[in-house]
Protein backbone atom coordinates (compact mmCIF):
# COMPACT_ATOMS: atom_id res chain seq x y z
CA MET A 1 0.13 -0.08 0.09
CA LYS A 2 2.75 2.33 0.90
CA LYS A 3 4.52 1.71 -2.49
CA PHE A 4 1.25 2.34 -4.42
CA LEU A 5 0.70 5.56 -2.53
CA VAL A 6 4.12 6.77 -3.27
CA LYS A 7 3.63 5.89 -7.09
CA ILE A 8 0.51 8.06 -7.20
CA GLN A 9 2.02 10.94 -5.29
CA THR A 10 5.09 10.80 -7.66
CA TYR A 11 2.97 10.83 -10.75
CA ILE A 12 0.80 13.70 -9.60
CA MET A 13 3.68 15.66 -8.35
CA ALA A 14 5.39 15.40 -11.90
CA LEU A 15 2.21 16.61 -13.51
CA VAL A 16 2.01 19.73 -11.53
CA LEU A 17 5.64 20.79 -10.90
CA THR A 18 4.71 24.46 -11.08
CA GLY A 19 2.68 24.65 -8.00
CA GLY A 20 1.06 21.67 -6.58
CA ILE A 21 -2.40 23.23 -7.09
CA GLY A 22 -4.55 20.13 -6.66
CA VAL A 23 -5.07 16.30 -7.22
CA MET A 24 -6.52 15.34 -10.46
CA ALA A 25 -9.94 13.97 -9.60
CA TYR A 26 -13.15 14.67 -11.38
CA ALA A 27 -16.59 13.09 -10.54
CA GLN A 28 -19.99 14.07 -11.57
CA GLU A 29 -23.29 12.52 -10.63
CA GLU A 30 -26.42 12.62 -12.69
CA PRO A 31 -29.60 13.90 -10.75
CA GLU A 32 -32.04 11.24 -9.63
CA CYS A 33 -34.80 10.80 -12.06
CA ALA A 34 -37.62 10.88 -9.44
CA THR A 35 -38.94 13.63 -7.01
CA GLY A 36 -41.50 13.99 -4.36
CA PHE A 37 -41.73 12.77 -0.87
CA LYS A 38 -41.48 9.34 0.73
CA ILE A 39 -43.62 8.40 3.66
CA ASN A 40 -42.80 10.29 6.94
CA GLU A 41 -40.09 12.32 4.97
CA SER A 42 -39.64 16.00 3.70
CA ARG A 43 -36.46 15.45 1.74
CA LEU A 44 -36.76 16.71 -1.68
CA VAL A 45 -35.38 14.64 -4.65
CA ILE A 46 -35.04 16.64 -7.90
CA ASP A 47 -35.95 15.48 -11.51
CA ASP A 48 -35.63 17.15 -14.82
CA CYS A 49 -39.05 18.75 -14.90
CA LEU A 50 -38.45 20.41 -11.45
CA GLU A 51 -35.12 21.78 -12.61
CA GLU A 52 -36.92 23.16 -15.81
CA LEU A 53 -39.42 24.95 -13.47
CA GLY A 54 -36.51 26.33 -11.51
CA ARG A 55 -34.98 27.82 -14.72
CA LYS A 56 -38.25 29.35 -15.82
CA ALA A 57 -38.92 30.90 -12.32
CA SER A 58 -35.34 32.03 -11.95
CA GLY A 59 -35.57 33.83 -15.20
CA LEU A 60 -38.96 35.54 -14.53
CA TYR A 61 -37.53 36.78 -11.23
CA LYS A 62 -34.41 38.18 -12.81
CA GLU A 63 -36.48 39.96 -15.52
CA GLY A 64 -38.88 41.46 -12.79
CA ARG A 65 -41.74 39.56 -14.45
CA LEU A 66 -42.44 37.18 -11.45
CA GLU A 67 -45.87 38.21 -9.95
CA LYS A 68 -46.79 35.33 -7.79
CA PHE A 69 -44.77 32.21 -6.29
CA GLU A 70 -46.91 29.84 -4.28
CA ILE A 71 -46.06 26.52 -2.69
CA CYS A 72 -48.42 24.31 -0.64
CA GLY A 73 -47.27 21.18 1.10
CA TYR A 74 -49.58 18.12 1.78
CA SER A 75 -49.56 15.06 3.90
CA SER A 76 -51.50 11.72 3.43
CA PRO A 77 -54.08 10.74 6.22
CA ASP A 78 -52.06 7.92 7.75
CA GLY A 79 -50.44 8.75 11.12
CA PRO A 80 -51.17 11.37 14.02
CA TYR A 81 -52.61 14.72 12.73
CA ALA A 82 -50.17 16.83 14.70
CA PHE A 83 -47.16 14.97 12.95
CA ASN A 84 -48.82 15.21 9.64
CA SER A 85 -49.24 18.91 9.98
CA ARG A 86 -45.78 19.52 10.72
CA LEU A 87 -44.67 17.21 7.82
CA ALA A 88 -46.79 19.07 5.34
CA GLY A 89 -45.15 22.31 6.41
CA ASP A 90 -41.68 20.77 6.10
CA ARG A 91 -42.33 19.61 2.66
CA ALA A 92 -43.48 23.06 1.42
CA GLY A 93 -40.32 24.46 3.15
CA ALA A 94 -38.04 22.00 1.42
CA VAL A 95 -39.32 23.11 -1.94
CA ARG A 96 -38.93 26.77 -1.09
CA LYS A 97 -35.42 26.13 -0.03
CA TYR A 98 -34.63 24.57 -3.12
CA PHE A 99 -35.86 27.42 -5.25
CA ASN A 100 -33.92 29.79 -2.92
CA HIS A 101 -30.61 28.05 -2.73
CA THR A 102 -30.47 26.49 -6.23
CA TRP A 103 -32.02 29.26 -8.27
CA GLY A 104 -31.50 32.39 -6.12
CA ILE A 105 -35.14 33.20 -5.63
CA PRO A 106 -35.50 34.96 -2.21
CA MET A 107 -37.42 33.23 0.53
CA GLU A 108 -39.70 36.26 1.11
CA THR A 109 -40.72 36.18 -2.51
CA ILE A 110 -42.36 32.72 -2.04
CA THR A 111 -45.72 32.13 -0.22
CA VAL A 112 -45.76 28.99 1.69
CA SER A 113 -48.82 27.13 3.12
CA LYS A 114 -49.65 23.53 4.18
CA GLU A 115 -52.60 21.06 4.35
CA ALA A 116 -52.31 18.19 6.62
CA GLU A 117 -54.22 14.93 5.91
CA ASP A 118 -55.57 15.94 2.50
CA TRP A 119 -58.83 13.90 2.67
CA ALA A 120 -60.38 15.66 -0.23
CA LYS A 121 -57.39 14.44 -2.58
CA THR A 122 -57.42 11.07 -1.00
CA ARG A 123 -61.34 10.62 -1.90
CA GLU A 124 -60.62 11.92 -5.40
CA LEU A 125 -57.94 9.33 -6.08
CA ILE A 126 -60.07 6.61 -4.50
CA ALA A 127 -63.02 7.43 -6.61
CA GLU A 128 -60.88 7.33 -9.80
CA SER A 129 -59.15 4.01 -8.68
CA ASP A 130 -60.37 0.42 -9.05
CA ILE A 131 -59.39 -0.71 -5.53
CA SER A 132 -61.38 -3.40 -3.99
CA GLY A 133 -64.40 -2.33 -1.69
CA LYS A 134 -64.24 1.15 -3.15
CA ASP A 135 -67.88 1.82 -2.21
CA ASN A 136 -67.33 0.95 1.38
CA VAL A 137 -64.21 3.10 1.48
CA LEU A 138 -66.01 6.11 0.21
CA ALA A 139 -69.08 5.52 2.49
CA ILE A 140 -66.70 5.62 5.47
CA ILE A 141 -64.90 8.84 4.22
CA ASP A 142 -68.24 10.64 3.56
CA GLY A 143 -70.14 9.22 6.71
CA GLU A 144 -67.29 9.90 9.30
CA SER A 145 -66.24 13.68 9.97
CA ASP A 146 -63.57 12.92 12.52
CA GLY A 147 -60.28 12.11 10.91
CA ASP A 148 -58.88 9.67 13.71
CA ARG A 149 -62.16 7.67 13.70
CA ARG A 150 -62.24 7.73 9.93
CA GLU A 151 -58.70 6.28 9.82
CA ALA A 152 -59.44 3.67 12.40
CA LYS A 153 -62.45 2.38 10.36
CA LEU A 154 -60.46 2.28 7.19
CA ARG A 155 -57.68 0.49 8.80
CA ALA A 156 -60.19 -2.24 10.13
CA LEU A 157 -61.90 -2.70 6.84
CA ASN A 158 -61.38 -6.17 5.32
CA GLY A 159 -58.88 -7.24 8.10
CA GLY A 160 -56.44 -4.40 7.04
CA ARG A 161 -56.15 -5.48 3.32
CA THR A 162 -57.98 -2.34 2.07
CA TRP A 163 -55.85 -0.01 4.23
CA ARG A 164 -52.54 -1.72 2.81
CA GLU A 165 -53.85 -1.05 -0.83
CA LEU A 166 -54.55 2.57 -0.13
CA ALA A 167 -50.97 2.81 1.38
CA THR A 168 -49.60 1.39 -1.82
CA ASN A 169 -51.76 2.91 -4.52
CA VAL A 170 -53.28 6.09 -3.23
CA PHE A 171 -51.32 7.61 -0.29
CA PRO A 172 -48.07 8.17 -2.17
CA ARG A 173 -49.93 10.46 -4.64
CA VAL A 174 -51.28 12.43 -1.70
CA ARG A 175 -47.91 13.08 -0.15
CA ARG A 176 -46.95 16.06 -2.47
CA ALA A 177 -46.10 19.63 -2.88
CA GLU A 178 -47.91 21.94 -5.37
CA VAL A 179 -46.11 24.95 -6.95
CA HIS A 180 -47.94 27.84 -8.72
CA VAL A 181 -45.82 30.44 -10.43
CA VAL A 182 -47.48 33.55 -12.20
CA SER A 183 -45.91 36.04 -14.50
CA ASP A 184 -47.28 38.69 -16.84
CA ARG A 185 -47.44 36.18 -19.68
CA ASN A 186 -47.66 32.59 -18.23
CA GLU A 187 -48.76 30.52 -15.32
CA TYR A 188 -46.92 27.29 -14.35
CA LYS A 189 -48.39 24.76 -12.20
CA ALA A 190 -46.45 21.80 -10.94
CA THR A 191 -47.29 18.81 -8.59
CA LEU A 192 -44.35 17.09 -6.96
CA THR A 193 -45.36 13.58 -6.05
CA ASP A 194 -43.50 10.28 -5.43
CA GLU A 195 -44.18 9.44 -9.04
CA GLY A 196 -42.41 12.55 -10.51
CA THR A 197 -43.10 16.15 -11.18
CA VAL A 198 -45.98 17.01 -13.44
CA MET A 199 -46.02 20.63 -15.00
CA GLU A 200 -48.68 22.61 -16.82
CA THR A 201 -48.08 25.83 -18.59
CA VAL A 202 -50.84 28.17 -19.24
CA THR A 203 -50.42 31.13 -21.61
CA VAL A 204 -52.36 34.33 -20.79
CA PRO A 205 -53.76 35.95 -23.98
CA VAL A 206 -52.18 39.19 -24.99
CA GLU A 207 -55.35 41.08 -24.84
CA THR A 208 -56.06 40.05 -21.07
CA GLU A 209 -52.50 40.66 -20.02
CA ARG A 210 -52.04 42.82 -16.83
CA ALA A 211 -49.50 45.69 -17.06
CA VAL A 212 -46.56 45.23 -14.73
CA GLU A 213 -46.63 48.16 -12.23
CA ASP A 214 -43.91 49.76 -10.22
CA THR A 215 -46.05 49.64 -7.09
CA PRO A 216 -44.96 47.38 -4.14
CA LEU A 217 -45.94 43.73 -4.21
CA MET A 218 -47.86 42.14 -1.38
CA THR A 219 -46.46 38.76 -0.55
CA VAL A 220 -47.57 36.13 2.13
CA VAL A 221 -44.51 34.82 3.96
CA ALA A 222 -44.73 31.26 5.52
CA GLU A 223 -48.21 31.14 7.00
CA ASP A 224 -50.57 34.04 7.63
CA THR A 225 -47.67 36.63 7.77
CA VAL A 226 -48.26 39.69 5.35
CA VAL A 227 -45.46 42.13 4.56
CA ALA A 228 -45.15 44.80 1.95
CA MET A 229 -42.04 44.75 -0.23
CA THR A 230 -40.78 45.76 -3.66
CA VAL A 231 -39.22 43.16 -5.98
CA PRO A 232 -36.21 41.77 -4.24
CA GLU A 233 -32.69 42.03 -5.53
CA TRP A 234 -30.52 39.11 -6.59
CA GLN A 235 -29.02 37.18 -3.64
CA ARG A 236 -25.29 37.00 -3.14
CA HIS A 237 -23.57 34.10 -1.81
CA ALA A 238 -20.00 33.32 -0.41
CA TYR A 239 -18.19 29.99 -0.13
CA VAL A 240 -15.60 28.39 1.89
CA LYS A 241 -14.19 25.13 0.59
CA THR A 242 -11.35 22.61 0.51
CA ASN A 243 -9.91 20.14 -2.11
CA VAL A 244 -10.31 16.72 -0.26
CA PRO A 245 -7.83 14.63 -2.41
CA ALA A 246 -5.14 17.15 -1.79
CA TRP A 247 -5.11 16.42 1.96
CA PHE A 248 -4.16 12.75 1.15
CA LEU A 249 -1.01 14.33 -0.32
CA LEU A 250 -0.55 16.28 2.89
CA TRP A 251 -1.32 19.54 1.09
CA ILE A 252 -2.98 21.94 3.44
CA ASN A 253 -5.46 23.91 1.30
CA LEU A 254 -8.37 26.31 1.57
CA ALA A 255 -10.37 28.38 -0.87
CA GLY A 256 -12.88 31.17 -0.70
CA GLU A 257 -15.29 32.46 -3.31
CA ILE A 258 -17.81 35.29 -3.44
CA ASP A 259 -20.57 36.10 -6.02
CA ILE A 260 -19.84 39.43 -7.89
CA ALA A 261 -23.01 39.33 -9.99
CA PRO A 262 -25.31 36.92 -11.72
CA HIS A 263 -22.97 34.66 -13.72
CA TRP A 264 -19.80 36.09 -12.24
CA SER A 265 -17.80 35.21 -9.08
CA ALA A 266 -14.18 35.59 -7.80
CA ASN A 267 -12.36 32.68 -6.09
CA LEU A 268 -8.96 32.52 -4.42
CA SER A 269 -7.31 29.02 -3.78
CA LEU A 270 -4.20 28.68 -1.37
CA TYR A 271 -2.04 25.38 -1.01
CA TYR A 272 0.74 24.70 1.49
CA SER A 273 2.92 21.81 1.97
CA GLY A 274 6.15 21.56 4.05
CA PHE A 275 6.55 17.72 4.28
CA ASN A 276 8.64 14.95 3.16
CA TYR A 277 7.15 11.72 1.77
CA PHE A 278 8.46 9.04 4.14
CA GLN A 279 12.24 9.96 3.35
CA SER A 280 14.21 13.16 2.80
CA THR A 281 14.84 12.45 -0.93
CA ARG A 282 11.14 12.47 -1.79
CA LYS A 283 9.14 15.66 -1.15
CA TYR A 284 6.84 18.22 -2.66
CA ARG A 285 7.01 21.22 -0.69
CA THR A 286 5.00 24.33 -2.00
CA PHE A 287 3.13 27.38 -1.20
CA THR A 288 0.83 28.38 -4.15
CA ILE A 289 -1.75 31.14 -4.77
CA MET A 290 -4.27 30.87 -7.49
CA PRO A 291 -7.08 33.74 -8.01
CA GLU A 292 -9.61 33.24 -10.69
CA VAL A 293 -12.56 35.00 -12.10
CA ARG A 294 -15.45 32.58 -12.97
CA TYR A 295 -18.14 32.80 -15.51
CA TRP A 296 -21.19 30.66 -14.72
CA PHE A 297 -23.56 29.42 -17.30
CA ARG A 298 -26.57 29.81 -14.98
CA GLY A 299 -27.53 33.06 -13.48
CA ASP A 300 -27.59 31.54 -9.83
CA ASN A 301 -23.89 30.83 -10.17
CA GLN A 302 -24.31 26.94 -9.93
CA GLY A 303 -23.67 24.24 -12.45
CA PHE A 304 -21.01 24.73 -15.00
CA PHE A 305 -18.42 27.43 -15.06
CA VAL A 306 -15.29 28.48 -16.89
CA ALA A 307 -12.51 30.65 -15.23
CA PRO A 308 -9.27 32.27 -16.41
CA HIS A 309 -6.81 32.08 -13.55
CA PHE A 310 -3.48 33.39 -12.41
CA GLY A 311 -0.87 31.11 -10.61
CA LEU A 312 1.95 31.86 -8.36
CA GLY A 313 3.90 29.04 -6.73
CA TRP A 314 7.06 28.58 -4.50
CA TYR A 315 8.46 24.89 -4.69
CA ASN A 316 11.13 22.64 -3.43
CA VAL A 317 10.71 19.12 -4.92
CA ALA A 318 12.42 15.82 -5.21
CA PHE A 319 11.33 12.58 -6.85
CA GLU A 320 14.21 10.20 -5.37
CA GLY A 321 16.31 10.99 -8.48
CA ALA A 322 19.73 12.48 -8.52
CA TYR A 323 18.39 16.05 -8.14
CA ARG A 324 16.31 18.21 -6.04
CA TYR A 325 14.57 21.13 -7.79
CA GLN A 326 14.00 24.59 -5.97
CA ASP A 327 12.94 27.86 -7.42
CA HIS A 328 15.98 30.00 -7.90
CA ASP A 329 17.37 31.34 -4.66
CA GLY A 330 14.08 30.36 -2.93
CA ASN A 331 12.39 33.56 -4.17
CA THR A 332 11.74 33.08 -7.75
CA PRO A 333 8.26 31.34 -7.94
CA ALA A 334 6.68 29.86 -11.00
CA ILE A 335 4.42 32.37 -12.48
CA GLY A 336 1.77 31.97 -15.27
CA GLY A 337 -1.86 31.26 -15.58
CA GLY A 338 -4.39 29.49 -17.70
CA ILE A 339 -8.12 28.42 -17.84
CA ASN A 340 -10.18 26.35 -15.57
CA ALA A 341 -13.46 24.68 -15.94
CA GLY A 342 -15.77 22.73 -13.52
CA TYR A 343 -19.20 22.00 -12.18
CA ARG A 344 -20.79 22.51 -8.85
CA PHE A 345 -23.93 21.05 -7.43
CA ASN A 346 -25.92 20.63 -4.16
CA ILE A 347 -25.35 17.52 -1.92
CA SER A 348 -27.08 18.33 1.21
CA ARG A 349 -30.93 18.71 2.39
CA ASN A 350 -30.54 22.36 3.60
CA GLY A 351 -28.76 23.46 0.40
CA ARG A 352 -25.64 24.66 2.11
CA TRP A 353 -23.28 21.85 1.28
CA ARG A 354 -22.02 21.62 -2.35
CA LEU A 355 -19.67 19.50 -4.23
CA GLU A 356 -17.33 21.19 -6.85
CA CYS A 357 -15.28 19.36 -9.47
CA SER A 358 -12.64 21.32 -11.55
CA VAL A 359 -9.68 20.84 -13.76
CA GLY A 360 -7.31 23.54 -15.37
CA PHE A 361 -4.72 23.98 -17.81
CA GLY A 362 -1.90 26.54 -17.51
CA ILE A 363 1.43 27.79 -18.82
CA TYR A 364 4.14 28.84 -16.44
CA ARG A 365 7.77 30.31 -16.54
CA LEU A 366 10.11 28.29 -14.36
CA ASP A 367 13.55 29.41 -13.02
CA TYR A 368 15.05 26.80 -10.62
CA ASP A 369 18.24 25.55 -9.10
CA LEU A 370 19.39 21.88 -9.10
CA PHE A 371 20.95 20.40 -5.96
CA GLN A 372 22.24 16.90 -5.26
CA ASN A 373 19.32 15.02 -3.86
CA ARG A 374 20.67 14.18 -0.46
CA HIS A 375 21.00 15.92 2.81
CA ASN A 376 22.83 19.41 2.35
CA GLY A 377 23.41 18.41 -1.30
CA LEU A 378 25.52 20.60 -3.40
CA LEU A 379 24.15 23.25 -5.85
CA VAL A 380 24.96 21.66 -9.35
CA GLY A 381 23.16 24.06 -11.70
CA ARG A 382 20.41 26.33 -12.79
CA LYS A 383 17.62 25.88 -15.43
CA GLN A 384 14.95 27.94 -17.09
CA ARG A 385 12.07 26.56 -18.97
CA THR A 386 8.41 26.88 -19.82
CA PHE A 387 5.91 24.41 -18.40
CA TYR A 388 2.52 23.80 -19.89
CA GLY A 389 -0.04 21.22 -18.81
CA ILE A 390 -2.54 20.44 -16.04
CA ASP A 391 -2.06 22.82 -13.26
CA ASN A 392 -5.23 22.51 -11.32
CA ALA A 393 -7.34 19.55 -10.38
CA ALA A 394 -9.67 19.44 -7.51
CA LEU A 395 -12.91 17.74 -5.87
CA SER A 396 -13.84 20.26 -3.32
CA ILE A 397 -16.41 20.17 -0.50
CA CYS A 398 -17.97 23.71 -0.22
CA TYR A 399 -20.15 25.37 2.41
CA MET A 400 -22.41 28.34 1.20
CA PHE A 401 -23.13 31.35 3.15
CA ASP A 402 -25.83 34.08 2.38
CA VAL A 403 -24.17 37.42 2.07
CA LYS A 404 -26.08 40.26 3.91
CA LYS A 405 -26.69 43.45 2.44
CA LYS A 406 -26.36 46.96 4.01
CA GLY A 407 -28.64 47.38 7.01
CA GLY A 408 -28.50 43.54 7.89
CA LYS A 409 -31.19 42.69 5.27
CA LYS A 410 -30.73 39.50 3.08
């Protein structure tokens, strides 16, 4: 295992002689192709249809055309009412967080409501189904007004077989969230269930369009809270991150990033290593600085990006060969730059934790001294050359912060 690790370290160090900027690792996962909510859960799973609605809503918000954004969470009738009520609210909140953290739509722009134990939807689905004993089920629902007693009677029907059939074929479609987005031209209605997202688009005829006014917009926040506000500004975020594979090579590293504007951000990465690898004739000591300006293809500054970058790296390296290489006089760092590309996506339920994959290509001017590769080895020469190749590869864990505006308002 030790020899294998040494070989991997030596290969990577040879690739990035100029600055030790990262470990070459790139991974990207496709989003899961289902959405909605499992029983007793409020975790939201994303599919392509929901992402499409996010793009549409984000575009309308940035253009100032978003007039209404409503989300309602629902729970199925099985279980205690208090728990179901909280669960319905959590589901609506999870959808709102998704549109806020992924698409940059402010929380206060989105109206949130809930409906626990949606018996009306349950009855509708049962009436449309072909479950056994359907007439008896409907009679119990229509004849018993108390939800707990209604549930108890349904559970006892046919020795529990009917309830199990409801739990398999009906209740998963009741556990859902409904999204309603209104602009000056279109309405989008989406239903998020265990079977996937279903979206309907309604185009408002030109002659019935409402003029977009400059008056404040009244928005309902959470439940029953009314505030007056103008159309909110774009939300800025900041990130702290670290390149995980680099730590396995004993490269201490930290990076920070802040959004400048929609589609634009600034990033600064720092790497330091002052260690030998098991023996003094094998080392990769470096201090590297890499600032870059990123262009994001999405306006919420997530997904794919490209970034021109600048690199500055001091180094002292040896690969068990005859020589040790050190920047000339210890104060002639490798200097250059290149282009970086990558992808960032959400990996947490609260939207704060992200995974970022990136790789870069650069050109650097090197001016270094050659020493005999032994303790206090003699200086034997000096070389100057140009390096070009991979100068950055990272698989980074990121934490996202909301940046407050003046006055403490987000």
